[in-house]
Amino acid sequence: MHLRIDFSGERSIGPGKVRLLELINETGSISAAGRALAMSYRQAWLLIDELNKMFRAPVVTAQTGGGGGGGAVVTEIGNDIVRLYREMERRAYGASISEMRSLARLLTPSADKPH
């Protein structure tokens, strides 16, 4: 199940943006997080810029570095967004599991699986 939250004014957050934040937390880098999601640095940066403009405070900030260069840090509000999104996702899944199983039983058999 994938959860997408649409706010007013074409603002939304879904699994891709949340996963990008998680990967920035893991790697400390927008470019590394983007690569892990098979997207360009520009694509990842545009998503982060969109998130930074969407919320009251920055979600990701640049971190200046020494010899190894800088990086990126997910802020407290960014971590709150990830936590809240994952909790909403968990609750939605739990509330819908019976219906999802019923829907799955209505699917045609997968072509790559034996019948």
PDB file of N, CA and C in Angstrom:
ATOM      1  N   MET A   1       0.854  -1.169   0.000  1.00  0.00           N
ATOM      2  CA  MET A   1       0.000   0.000   0.000  1.00  0.00           C
ATOM      3  C   MET A   1       0.902   1.235   0.000  1.00  0.00           C
ATOM      4  N   HIS A   2       0.559   2.183  -0.843  1.00  0.00           N
ATOM      5  CA  HIS A   2       1.283   3.455  -0.885  1.00  0.00           C
ATOM      6  C   HIS A   2       0.324   4.560  -0.473  1.00  0.00           C
ATOM      7  N   LEU A   3       0.805   5.433   0.353  1.00  0.00           N
ATOM      8  CA  LEU A   3      -0.005   6.537   0.852  1.00  0.00           C
ATOM      9  C   LEU A   3       0.521   7.834   0.260  1.00  0.00           C
ATOM     10  N   ARG A   4      -0.366   8.614  -0.324  1.00  0.00           N
ATOM     11  CA  ARG A   4      -0.021   9.934  -0.832  1.00  0.00           C
ATOM     12  C   ARG A   4      -0.966  10.929  -0.184  1.00  0.00           C
ATOM     13  N   ILE A   5      -0.396  11.969   0.388  1.00  0.00           N
ATOM     14  CA  ILE A   5      -1.189  12.986   1.064  1.00  0.00           C
ATOM     15  C   ILE A   5      -1.155  14.244   0.205  1.00  0.00           C
ATOM     16  N   ASP A   6      -2.322  14.656  -0.249  1.00  0.00           N
ATOM     17  CA  ASP A   6      -2.446  15.856  -1.059  1.00  0.00           C
ATOM     18  C   ASP A   6      -2.963  16.990  -0.190  1.00  0.00           C
ATOM     19  N   PHE A   7      -2.168  18.035  -0.117  1.00  0.00           N
ATOM     20  CA  PHE A   7      -2.568  19.244   0.589  1.00  0.00           C
ATOM     21  C   PHE A   7      -3.103  20.224  -0.450  1.00  0.00           C
ATOM     22  N   SER A   8      -3.590  21.362  -0.024  1.00  0.00           N
ATOM     23  CA  SER A   8      -4.088  22.358  -0.970  1.00  0.00           C
ATOM     24  C   SER A   8      -2.946  22.932  -1.808  1.00  0.00           C
ATOM     25  N   GLY A   9      -3.284  23.432  -2.980  1.00  0.00           N
ATOM     26  CA  GLY A   9      -2.309  24.109  -3.813  1.00  0.00           C
ATOM     27  C   GLY A   9      -1.264  23.215  -4.438  1.00  0.00           C
ATOM     28  N   GLU A  10      -1.643  22.025  -4.881  1.00  0.00           N
ATOM     29  CA  GLU A  10      -0.733  21.096  -5.550  1.00  0.00           C
ATOM     30  C   GLU A  10       0.471  20.703  -4.704  1.00  0.00           C
ATOM     31  N   ARG A  11       0.312  20.708  -3.429  1.00  0.00           N
ATOM     32  CA  ARG A  11       1.383  20.267  -2.523  1.00  0.00           C
ATOM     33  C   ARG A  11       1.043  18.861  -2.054  1.00  0.00           C
ATOM     34  N   SER A  12       2.032  17.972  -2.124  1.00  0.00           N
ATOM     35  CA  SER A  12       1.774  16.591  -1.723  1.00  0.00           C
ATOM     36  C   SER A  12       3.048  15.967  -1.168  1.00  0.00           C
ATOM     37  N   ILE A  13       2.824  14.896  -0.432  1.00  0.00           N
ATOM     38  CA  ILE A  13       3.938  14.090   0.063  1.00  0.00           C
ATOM     39  C   ILE A  13       3.520  12.629  -0.035  1.00  0.00           C
ATOM     40  N   GLY A  14       4.461  11.816  -0.478  1.00  0.00           N
ATOM     41  CA  GLY A  14       4.167  10.403  -0.659  1.00  0.00           C
ATOM     42  C   GLY A  14       5.408   9.568  -0.412  1.00  0.00           C
ATOM     43  N   PRO A  15       5.367   8.318  -0.833  1.00  0.00           N
ATOM     44  CA  PRO A  15       6.463   7.397  -0.507  1.00  0.00           C
ATOM     45  C   PRO A  15       7.815   7.804  -1.083  1.00  0.00           C
ATOM     46  N   GLY A  16       7.839   8.426  -2.254  1.00  0.00           N
ATOM     47  CA  GLY A  16       9.110   8.806  -2.849  1.00  0.00           C
ATOM     48  C   GLY A  16       9.838   9.889  -2.075  1.00  0.00           C
ATOM     49  N   LYS A  17       9.121  10.933  -1.721  1.00  0.00           N
ATOM     50  CA  LYS A  17       9.732  12.031  -0.966  1.00  0.00           C
ATOM     51  C   LYS A  17      10.153  11.570   0.426  1.00  0.00           C
ATOM     52  N   VAL A  18       9.320  10.751   1.042  1.00  0.00           N
ATOM     53  CA  VAL A  18       9.659  10.257   2.379  1.00  0.00           C
ATOM     54  C   VAL A  18      10.887   9.351   2.312  1.00  0.00           C
ATOM     55  N   ARG A  19      10.956   8.490   1.312  1.00  0.00           N
ATOM     56  CA  ARG A  19      12.124   7.611   1.176  1.00  0.00           C
ATOM     57  C   ARG A  19      13.379   8.424   0.894  1.00  0.00           C
ATOM     58  N   LEU A  20      13.246   9.504   0.111  1.00  0.00           N
ATOM     59  CA  LEU A  20      14.384  10.380  -0.147  1.00  0.00           C
ATOM     60  C   LEU A  20      14.897  10.969   1.160  1.00  0.00           C
ATOM     61  N   LEU A  21      14.008  11.424   2.019  1.00  0.00           N
ATOM     62  CA  LEU A  21      14.424  11.948   3.330  1.00  0.00           C
ATOM     63  C   LEU A  21      15.127  10.870   4.154  1.00  0.00           C
ATOM     64  N   GLU A  22      14.577   9.658   4.145  1.00  0.00           N
ATOM     65  CA  GLU A  22      15.203   8.566   4.895  1.00  0.00           C
ATOM     66  C   GLU A  22      16.610   8.286   4.380  1.00  0.00           C
ATOM     67  N   LEU A  23      16.779   8.301   3.077  1.00  0.00           N
ATOM     68  CA  LEU A  23      18.094   8.014   2.499  1.00  0.00           C
ATOM     69  C   LEU A  23      19.083   9.152   2.739  1.00  0.00           C
ATOM     70  N   ILE A  24      18.601  10.380   2.771  1.00  0.00           N
ATOM     71  CA  ILE A  24      19.494  11.492   3.127  1.00  0.00           C
ATOM     72  C   ILE A  24      19.956  11.314   4.563  1.00  0.00           C
ATOM     73  N   ASN A  25      19.063  10.884   5.436  1.00  0.00           N
ATOM     74  CA  ASN A  25      19.458  10.576   6.820  1.00  0.00           C
ATOM     75  C   ASN A  25      20.540   9.508   6.852  1.00  0.00           C
ATOM     76  N   GLU A  26      20.388   8.479   6.029  1.00  0.00           N
ATOM     77  CA  GLU A  26      21.336   7.365   6.030  1.00  0.00           C
ATOM     78  C   GLU A  26      22.676   7.732   5.407  1.00  0.00           C
ATOM     79  N   THR A  27      22.641   8.525   4.337  1.00  0.00           N
ATOM     80  CA  THR A  27      23.865   8.787   3.577  1.00  0.00           C
ATOM     81  C   THR A  27      24.494  10.142   3.865  1.00  0.00           C
ATOM     82  N   GLY A  28      23.694  11.087   4.382  1.00  0.00           N
ATOM     83  CA  GLY A  28      24.188  12.443   4.596  1.00  0.00           C
ATOM     84  C   GLY A  28      24.400  13.204   3.305  1.00  0.00           C
ATOM     85  N   SER A  29      23.741  12.757   2.238  1.00  0.00           N
ATOM     86  CA  SER A  29      23.987  13.338   0.921  1.00  0.00           C
ATOM     87  C   SER A  29      22.736  13.280   0.052  1.00  0.00           C
ATOM     88  N   ILE A  30      22.403  14.405  -0.574  1.00  0.00           N
ATOM     89  CA  ILE A  30      21.280  14.421  -1.511  1.00  0.00           C
ATOM     90  C   ILE A  30      21.630  13.605  -2.749  1.00  0.00           C
ATOM     91  N   SER A  31      22.850  13.752  -3.245  1.00  0.00           N
ATOM     92  CA  SER A  31      23.236  13.023  -4.464  1.00  0.00           C
ATOM     93  C   SER A  31      23.256  11.516  -4.224  1.00  0.00           C
ATOM     94  N   ALA A  32      23.775  11.071  -3.103  1.00  0.00           N
ATOM     95  CA  ALA A  32      23.807   9.632  -2.799  1.00  0.00           C
ATOM     96  C   ALA A  32      22.388   9.090  -2.617  1.00  0.00           C
ATOM     97  N   ALA A  33      21.532   9.863  -1.959  1.00  0.00           N
ATOM     98  CA  ALA A  33      20.139   9.446  -1.771  1.00  0.00           C
ATOM     99  C   ALA A  33      19.444   9.351  -3.127  1.00  0.00           C
ATOM    100  N   GLY A  34      19.687  10.340  -3.989  1.00  0.00           N
ATOM    101  CA  GLY A  34      19.104  10.309  -5.323  1.00  0.00           C
ATOM    102  C   GLY A  34      19.572   9.106  -6.123  1.00  0.00           C
ATOM    103  N   ARG A  35      20.867   8.832  -6.066  1.00  0.00           N
ATOM    104  CA  ARG A  35      21.406   7.662  -6.786  1.00  0.00           C
ATOM    105  C   ARG A  35      20.747   6.376  -6.305  1.00  0.00           C
ATOM    106  N   ALA A  36      20.540   6.266  -5.004  1.00  0.00           N
ATOM    107  CA  ALA A  36      19.911   5.066  -4.448  1.00  0.00           C
ATOM    108  C   ALA A  36      18.483   4.888  -4.968  1.00  0.00           C
ATOM    109  N   LEU A  37      17.867   5.994  -5.366  1.00  0.00           N
ATOM    110  CA  LEU A  37      16.509   5.944  -5.909  1.00  0.00           C
ATOM    111  C   LEU A  37      16.500   6.034  -7.432  1.00  0.00           C
ATOM    112  N   ALA A  38      17.673   5.905  -8.046  1.00  0.00           N
ATOM    113  CA  ALA A  38      17.825   5.970  -9.507  1.00  0.00           C
ATOM    114  C   ALA A  38      17.315   7.293 -10.070  1.00  0.00           C
ATOM    115  N   MET A  39      17.625   8.383  -9.381  1.00  0.00           N
ATOM    116  CA  MET A  39      17.264   9.699  -9.887  1.00  0.00           C
ATOM    117  C   MET A  39      18.494  10.591  -9.890  1.00  0.00           C
ATOM    118  N   SER A  40      18.439  11.603 -10.715  1.00  0.00           N
ATOM    119  CA  SER A  40      19.561  12.527 -10.814  1.00  0.00           C
ATOM    120  C   SER A  40      19.630  13.407  -9.565  1.00  0.00           C
ATOM    121  N   TYR A  41      20.804  14.011  -9.377  1.00  0.00           N
ATOM    122  CA  TYR A  41      20.951  14.962  -8.273  1.00  0.00           C
ATOM    123  C   TYR A  41      19.933  16.080  -8.428  1.00  0.00           C
ATOM    124  N   ARG A  42      19.762  16.578  -9.653  1.00  0.00           N
ATOM    125  CA  ARG A  42      18.819  17.682  -9.886  1.00  0.00           C
ATOM    126  C   ARG A  42      17.400  17.287  -9.494  1.00  0.00           C
ATOM    127  N   GLN A  43      16.990  16.104  -9.876  1.00  0.00           N
ATOM    128  CA  GLN A  43      15.650  15.614  -9.542  1.00  0.00           C
ATOM    129  C   GLN A  43      15.486  15.541  -8.017  1.00  0.00           C
ATOM    130  N   ALA A  44      16.476  14.978  -7.346  1.00  0.00           N
ATOM    131  CA  ALA A  44      16.422  14.870  -5.880  1.00  0.00           C
ATOM    132  C   ALA A  44      16.409  16.254  -5.248  1.00  0.00           C
ATOM    133  N   TRP A  45      17.259  17.154  -5.754  1.00  0.00           N
ATOM    134  CA  TRP A  45      17.337  18.504  -5.200  1.00  0.00           C
ATOM    135  C   TRP A  45      16.018  19.240  -5.389  1.00  0.00           C
ATOM    136  N   LEU A  46      15.363  19.071  -6.547  1.00  0.00           N
ATOM    137  CA  LEU A  46      14.074  19.728  -6.786  1.00  0.00           C
ATOM    138  C   LEU A  46      13.005  19.219  -5.817  1.00  0.00           C
ATOM    139  N   LEU A  47      13.021  17.933  -5.516  1.00  0.00           N
ATOM    140  CA  LEU A  47      12.064  17.390  -4.537  1.00  0.00           C
ATOM    141  C   LEU A  47      12.321  17.955  -3.151  1.00  0.00           C
ATOM    142  N   ILE A  48      13.588  18.063  -2.771  1.00  0.00           N
ATOM    143  CA  ILE A  48      13.935  18.634  -1.469  1.00  0.00           C
ATOM    144  C   ILE A  48      13.554  20.106  -1.424  1.00  0.00           C
ATOM    145  N   ASP A  49      13.817  20.833  -2.506  1.00  0.00           N
ATOM    146  CA  ASP A  49      13.443  22.247  -2.574  1.00  0.00           C
ATOM    147  C   ASP A  49      11.929  22.408  -2.424  1.00  0.00           C
ATOM    148  N   GLU A  50      11.185  21.535  -3.077  1.00  0.00           N
ATOM    149  CA  GLU A  50       9.720  21.544  -2.969  1.00  0.00           C
ATOM    150  C   GLU A  50       9.281  21.321  -1.521  1.00  0.00           C
ATOM    151  N   LEU A  51       9.889  20.335  -0.860  1.00  0.00           N
ATOM    152  CA  LEU A  51       9.565  20.064   0.547  1.00  0.00           C
ATOM    153  C   LEU A  51       9.947  21.252   1.430  1.00  0.00           C
ATOM    154  N   ASN A  52      11.115  21.821   1.196  1.00  0.00           N
ATOM    155  CA  ASN A  52      11.559  22.957   2.008  1.00  0.00           C
ATOM    156  C   ASN A  52      10.608  24.141   1.879  1.00  0.00           C
ATOM    157  N   LYS A  53      10.024  24.322   0.706  1.00  0.00           N
ATOM    158  CA  LYS A  53       9.076  25.429   0.499  1.00  0.00           C
ATOM    159  C   LYS A  53       7.680  25.097   1.024  1.00  0.00           C
ATOM    160  N   MET A  54       7.375  23.820   1.107  1.00  0.00           N
ATOM    161  CA  MET A  54       6.043  23.383   1.519  1.00  0.00           C
ATOM    162  C   MET A  54       5.810  23.539   3.022  1.00  0.00           C
ATOM    163  N   PHE A  55       6.844  23.344   3.807  1.00  0.00           N
ATOM    164  CA  PHE A  55       6.692  23.348   5.256  1.00  0.00           C
ATOM    165  C   PHE A  55       7.219  24.637   5.874  1.00  0.00           C
ATOM    166  N   ARG A  56       6.827  24.899   7.099  1.00  0.00           N
ATOM    167  CA  ARG A  56       7.153  26.155   7.788  1.00  0.00           C
ATOM    168  C   ARG A  56       8.634  26.371   8.007  1.00  0.00           C
ATOM    169  N   ALA A  57       9.359  25.304   8.095  1.00  0.00           N
ATOM    170  CA  ALA A  57      10.802  25.373   8.328  1.00  0.00           C
ATOM    171  C   ALA A  57      11.455  24.378   7.370  1.00  0.00           C
ATOM    172  N   PRO A  58      12.746  24.570   7.076  1.00  0.00           N
ATOM    173  CA  PRO A  58      13.426  23.643   6.160  1.00  0.00           C
ATOM    174  C   PRO A  58      13.366  22.195   6.640  1.00  0.00           C
ATOM    175  N   VAL A  59      13.235  21.310   5.677  1.00  0.00           N
ATOM    176  CA  VAL A  59      13.180  19.875   5.925  1.00  0.00           C
ATOM    177  C   VAL A  59      14.581  19.276   5.814  1.00  0.00           C
ATOM    178  N   VAL A  60      15.381  19.842   4.935  1.00  0.00           N
ATOM    179  CA  VAL A  60      16.772  19.438   4.730  1.00  0.00           C
ATOM    180  C   VAL A  60      17.607  20.700   4.645  1.00  0.00           C
ATOM    181  N   THR A  61      18.748  20.689   5.292  1.00  0.00           N
ATOM    182  CA  THR A  61      19.668  21.821   5.203  1.00  0.00           C
ATOM    183  C   THR A  61      21.022  21.330   4.711  1.00  0.00           C
ATOM    184  N   ALA A  62      21.739  22.250   4.074  1.00  0.00           N
ATOM    185  CA  ALA A  62      23.093  21.937   3.615  1.00  0.00           C
ATOM    186  C   ALA A  62      24.030  22.009   4.803  1.00  0.00           C
ATOM    187  N   GLN A  63      25.029  21.170   4.770  1.00  0.00           N
ATOM    188  CA  GLN A  63      26.028  21.145   5.834  1.00  0.00           C
ATOM    189  C   GLN A  63      27.384  21.368   5.181  1.00  0.00           C
ATOM    190  N   THR A  64      28.055  22.427   5.601  1.00  0.00           N
ATOM    191  CA  THR A  64      29.382  22.671   5.038  1.00  0.00           C
ATOM    192  C   THR A  64      30.355  21.704   5.684  1.00  0.00           C
ATOM    193  N   GLY A  65      31.318  21.280   4.898  1.00  0.00           N
ATOM    194  CA  GLY A  65      32.248  20.279   5.408  1.00  0.00           C
ATOM    195  C   GLY A  65      33.684  20.701   5.220  1.00  0.00           C
ATOM    196  N   GLY A  66      34.545  19.908   5.739  1.00  0.00           N
ATOM    197  CA  GLY A  66      35.982  20.154   5.629  1.00  0.00           C
ATOM    198  C   GLY A  66      36.526  19.530   4.362  1.00  0.00           C
ATOM    199  N   GLY A  67      37.530  18.725   4.515  1.00  0.00           N
ATOM    200  CA  GLY A  67      38.206  18.108   3.380  1.00  0.00           C
ATOM    201  C   GLY A  67      37.315  17.216   2.549  1.00  0.00           C
ATOM    202  N   GLY A  68      36.348  16.575   3.183  1.00  0.00           N
ATOM    203  CA  GLY A  68      35.454  15.675   2.468  1.00  0.00           C
ATOM    204  C   GLY A  68      34.295  16.385   1.811  1.00  0.00           C
ATOM    205  N   GLY A  69      34.210  17.697   1.974  1.00  0.00           N
ATOM    206  CA  GLY A  69      33.096  18.433   1.395  1.00  0.00           C
ATOM    207  C   GLY A  69      31.923  18.486   2.335  1.00  0.00           C
ATOM    208  N   GLY A  70      30.843  19.021   1.842  1.00  0.00           N
ATOM    209  CA  GLY A  70      29.645  19.192   2.657  1.00  0.00           C
ATOM    210  C   GLY A  70      28.727  18.002   2.544  1.00  0.00           C
ATOM    211  N   GLY A  71      27.513  18.233   2.897  1.00  0.00           N
ATOM    212  CA  GLY A  71      26.517  17.179   2.850  1.00  0.00           C
ATOM    213  C   GLY A  71      25.159  17.776   3.093  1.00  0.00           C
ATOM    214  N   ALA A  72      24.242  16.959   3.496  1.00  0.00           N
ATOM    215  CA  ALA A  72      22.881  17.393   3.773  1.00  0.00           C
ATOM    216  C   ALA A  72      22.410  16.750   5.063  1.00  0.00           C
ATOM    217  N   VAL A  73      21.603  17.502   5.784  1.00  0.00           N
ATOM    218  CA  VAL A  73      21.071  17.024   7.064  1.00  0.00           C
ATOM    219  C   VAL A  73      19.560  17.168   7.052  1.00  0.00           C
ATOM    220  N   VAL A  74      18.861  16.107   7.428  1.00  0.00           N
ATOM    221  CA  VAL A  74      17.421  16.176   7.604  1.00  0.00           C
ATOM    222  C   VAL A  74      17.184  16.842   8.962  1.00  0.00           C
ATOM    223  N   THR A  75      16.388  17.889   8.955  1.00  0.00           N
ATOM    224  CA  THR A  75      16.137  18.656  10.171  1.00  0.00           C
ATOM    225  C   THR A  75      15.133  17.942  11.074  1.00  0.00           C
ATOM    226  N   GLU A  76      14.902  18.530  12.230  1.00  0.00           N
ATOM    227  CA  GLU A  76      13.923  17.955  13.162  1.00  0.00           C
ATOM    228  C   GLU A  76      12.542  17.876  12.522  1.00  0.00           C
ATOM    229  N   ILE A  77      12.144  18.943  11.823  1.00  0.00           N
ATOM    230  CA  ILE A  77      10.827  18.902  11.167  1.00  0.00           C
ATOM    231  C   ILE A  77      10.815  17.833  10.068  1.00  0.00           C
ATOM    232  N   GLY A  78      11.925  17.665   9.366  1.00  0.00           N
ATOM    233  CA  GLY A  78      12.013  16.611   8.357  1.00  0.00           C
ATOM    234  C   GLY A  78      11.852  15.232   8.966  1.00  0.00           C
ATOM    235  N   ASN A  79      12.491  15.012  10.099  1.00  0.00           N
ATOM    236  CA  ASN A  79      12.348  13.725  10.793  1.00  0.00           C
ATOM    237  C   ASN A  79      10.931  13.538  11.330  1.00  0.00           C
ATOM    238  N   ASP A  80      10.302  14.627  11.768  1.00  0.00           N
ATOM    239  CA  ASP A  80       8.897  14.556  12.203  1.00  0.00           C
ATOM    240  C   ASP A  80       8.002  14.137  11.041  1.00  0.00           C
ATOM    241  N   ILE A  81       8.254  14.695   9.858  1.00  0.00           N
ATOM    242  CA  ILE A  81       7.461  14.357   8.671  1.00  0.00           C
ATOM    243  C   ILE A  81       7.584  12.867   8.362  1.00  0.00           C
ATOM    244  N   VAL A  82       8.800  12.352   8.387  1.00  0.00           N
ATOM    245  CA  VAL A  82       9.019  10.924   8.118  1.00  0.00           C
ATOM    246  C   VAL A  82       8.279  10.078   9.153  1.00  0.00           C
ATOM    247  N   ARG A  83       8.442  10.429  10.423  1.00  0.00           N
ATOM    248  CA  ARG A  83       7.799   9.661  11.495  1.00  0.00           C
ATOM    249  C   ARG A  83       6.278   9.684  11.363  1.00  0.00           C
ATOM    250  N   LEU A  84       5.699  10.869  11.135  1.00  0.00           N
ATOM    251  CA  LEU A  84       4.244  10.991  11.017  1.00  0.00           C
ATOM    252  C   LEU A  84       3.720  10.258   9.784  1.00  0.00           C
ATOM    253  N   TYR A  85       4.424  10.386   8.677  1.00  0.00           N
ATOM    254  CA  TYR A  85       4.014   9.705   7.455  1.00  0.00           C
ATOM    255  C   TYR A  85       4.031   8.188   7.647  1.00  0.00           C
ATOM    256  N   ARG A  86       5.116   7.665   8.199  1.00  0.00           N
ATOM    257  CA  ARG A  86       5.215   6.211   8.386  1.00  0.00           C
ATOM    258  C   ARG A  86       4.153   5.704   9.363  1.00  0.00           C
ATOM    259  N   GLU A  87       3.808   6.489  10.363  1.00  0.00           N
ATOM    260  CA  GLU A  87       2.745   6.091  11.294  1.00  0.00           C
ATOM    261  C   GLU A  87       1.385   6.090  10.592  1.00  0.00           C
ATOM    262  N   MET A  88       1.133   7.103   9.774  1.00  0.00           N
ATOM    263  CA  MET A  88      -0.121   7.132   9.014  1.00  0.00           C
ATOM    264  C   MET A  88      -0.202   5.951   8.052  1.00  0.00           C
ATOM    265  N   GLU A  89       0.910   5.647   7.420  1.00  0.00           N
ATOM    266  CA  GLU A  89       0.982   4.518   6.501  1.00  0.00           C
ATOM    267  C   GLU A  89       0.681   3.208   7.237  1.00  0.00           C
ATOM    268  N   ARG A  90       1.291   3.051   8.401  1.00  0.00           N
ATOM    269  CA  ARG A  90       1.084   1.824   9.202  1.00  0.00           C
ATOM    270  C   ARG A  90      -0.385   1.683   9.606  1.00  0.00           C
ATOM    271  N   ARG A  91      -0.985   2.784  10.038  1.00  0.00           N
ATOM    272  CA  ARG A  91      -2.395   2.741  10.448  1.00  0.00           C
ATOM    273  C   ARG A  91      -3.317   2.469   9.271  1.00  0.00           C
ATOM    274  N   ALA A  92      -3.051   3.107   8.138  1.00  0.00           N
ATOM    275  CA  ALA A  92      -3.887   2.890   6.953  1.00  0.00           C
ATOM    276  C   ALA A  92      -3.812   1.431   6.516  1.00  0.00           C
ATOM    277  N   TYR A  93      -2.610   0.872   6.530  1.00  0.00           N
ATOM    278  CA  TYR A  93      -2.437  -0.529   6.157  1.00  0.00           C
ATOM    279  C   TYR A  93      -3.209  -1.430   7.117  1.00  0.00           C
ATOM    280  N   GLY A  94      -3.060  -1.177   8.407  1.00  0.00           N
ATOM    281  CA  GLY A  94      -3.749  -2.000   9.397  1.00  0.00           C
ATOM    282  C   GLY A  94      -5.263  -1.934   9.271  1.00  0.00           C
ATOM    283  N   ALA A  95      -5.776  -0.752   8.946  1.00  0.00           N
ATOM    284  CA  ALA A  95      -7.224  -0.582   8.825  1.00  0.00           C
ATOM    285  C   ALA A  95      -7.769  -1.181   7.531  1.00  0.00           C
ATOM    286  N   SER A  96      -6.903  -1.434   6.558  1.00  0.00           N
ATOM    287  CA  SER A  96      -7.345  -1.869   5.232  1.00  0.00           C
ATOM    288  C   SER A  96      -6.921  -3.280   4.859  1.00  0.00           C
ATOM    289  N   ILE A  97      -6.275  -3.987   5.732  1.00  0.00           N
ATOM    290  CA  ILE A  97      -5.697  -5.285   5.372  1.00  0.00           C
ATOM    291  C   ILE A  97      -6.748  -6.268   4.852  1.00  0.00           C
ATOM    292  N   SER A  98      -7.907  -6.308   5.462  1.00  0.00           N
ATOM    293  CA  SER A  98      -8.951  -7.238   5.027  1.00  0.00           C
ATOM    294  C   SER A  98      -9.414  -6.921   3.605  1.00  0.00           C
ATOM    295  N   GLU A  99      -9.642  -5.648   3.326  1.00  0.00           N
ATOM    296  CA  GLU A  99     -10.066  -5.240   1.989  1.00  0.00           C
ATOM    297  C   GLU A  99      -8.968  -5.465   0.964  1.00  0.00           C
ATOM    298  N   MET A 100      -7.712  -5.239   1.346  1.00  0.00           N
ATOM    299  CA  MET A 100      -6.604  -5.467   0.419  1.00  0.00           C
ATOM    300  C   MET A 100      -6.505  -6.944   0.062  1.00  0.00           C
ATOM    301  N   ARG A 101      -6.705  -7.809   1.025  1.00  0.00           N
ATOM    302  CA  ARG A 101      -6.678  -9.246   0.747  1.00  0.00           C
ATOM    303  C   ARG A 101      -7.827  -9.628  -0.178  1.00  0.00           C
ATOM    304  N   SER A 102      -9.004  -9.048   0.054  1.00  0.00           N
ATOM    305  CA  SER A 102     -10.157  -9.327  -0.812  1.00  0.00           C
ATOM    306  C   SER A 102      -9.891  -8.850  -2.227  1.00  0.00           C
ATOM    307  N   LEU A 103      -9.296  -7.685  -2.381  1.00  0.00           N
ATOM    308  CA  LEU A 103      -8.944  -7.176  -3.707  1.00  0.00           C
ATOM    309  C   LEU A 103      -7.920  -8.085  -4.378  1.00  0.00           C
ATOM    310  N   ALA A 104      -6.949  -8.542  -3.634  1.00  0.00           N
ATOM    311  CA  ALA A 104      -5.903  -9.406  -4.185  1.00  0.00           C
ATOM    312  C   ALA A 104      -6.496 -10.707  -4.723  1.00  0.00           C
ATOM    313  N   ARG A 105      -7.527 -11.212  -4.051  1.00  0.00           N
ATOM    314  CA  ARG A 105      -8.162 -12.453  -4.514  1.00  0.00           C
ATOM    315  C   ARG A 105      -8.886 -12.246  -5.844  1.00  0.00           C
ATOM    316  N   LEU A 106      -9.202 -11.016  -6.202  1.00  0.00           N
ATOM    317  CA  LEU A 106      -9.905 -10.719  -7.453  1.00  0.00           C
ATOM    318  C   LEU A 106      -8.963 -10.519  -8.642  1.00  0.00           C
ATOM    319  N   LEU A 107      -7.663 -10.465  -8.369  1.00  0.00           N
ATOM    320  CA  LEU A 107      -6.684 -10.252  -9.433  1.00  0.00           C
ATOM    321  C   LEU A 107      -6.565 -11.483 -10.322  1.00  0.00           C
ATOM    322  N   THR A 108      -6.194 -11.244 -11.576  1.00  0.00           N
ATOM    323  CA  THR A 108      -5.867 -12.377 -12.455  1.00  0.00           C
ATOM    324  C   THR A 108      -4.514 -12.915 -12.009  1.00  0.00           C
ATOM    325  N   PRO A 109      -4.235 -14.182 -12.294  1.00  0.00           N
ATOM    326  CA  PRO A 109      -2.932 -14.726 -11.917  1.00  0.00           C
ATOM    327  C   PRO A 109      -1.808 -13.960 -12.607  1.00  0.00           C
ATOM    328  N   SER A 110      -0.724 -13.796 -11.934  1.00  0.00           N
ATOM    329  CA  SER A 110       0.439 -13.091 -12.477  1.00  0.00           C
ATOM    330  C   SER A 110       1.062 -13.932 -13.571  1.00  0.00           C
ATOM    331  N   ALA A 111       1.483 -13.280 -14.660  1.00  0.00           N
ATOM    332  CA  ALA A 111       2.066 -13.998 -15.798  1.00  0.00           C
ATOM    333  C   ALA A 111       3.392 -14.656 -15.446  1.00  0.00           C
ATOM    334  N   ASP A 112       4.108 -14.105 -14.452  1.00  0.00           N
ATOM    335  CA  ASP A 112       5.410 -14.657 -14.128  1.00  0.00           C
ATOM    336  C   ASP A 112       5.353 -15.719 -13.032  1.00  0.00           C
ATOM    337  N   LYS A 113       4.174 -16.023 -12.549  1.00  0.00           N
ATOM    338  CA  LYS A 113       4.030 -17.058 -11.527  1.00  0.00           C
ATOM    339  C   LYS A 113       3.277 -18.241 -12.101  1.00  0.00           C
ATOM    340  N   PRO A 114       3.660 -19.451 -11.693  1.00  0.00           N
ATOM    341  CA  PRO A 114       2.919 -20.631 -12.166  1.00  0.00           C
ATOM    342  C   PRO A 114       1.501 -20.629 -11.601  1.00  0.00           C
ATOM    343  N   HIS A 115       0.560 -21.158 -12.354  1.00  0.00           N
ATOM    344  CA  HIS A 115      -0.852 -21.178 -11.937  1.00  0.00           C
ATOM    345  C   HIS A 115      -1.113 -22.251 -10.959  1.00  0.00           C
TER     346      HIS A 115
END
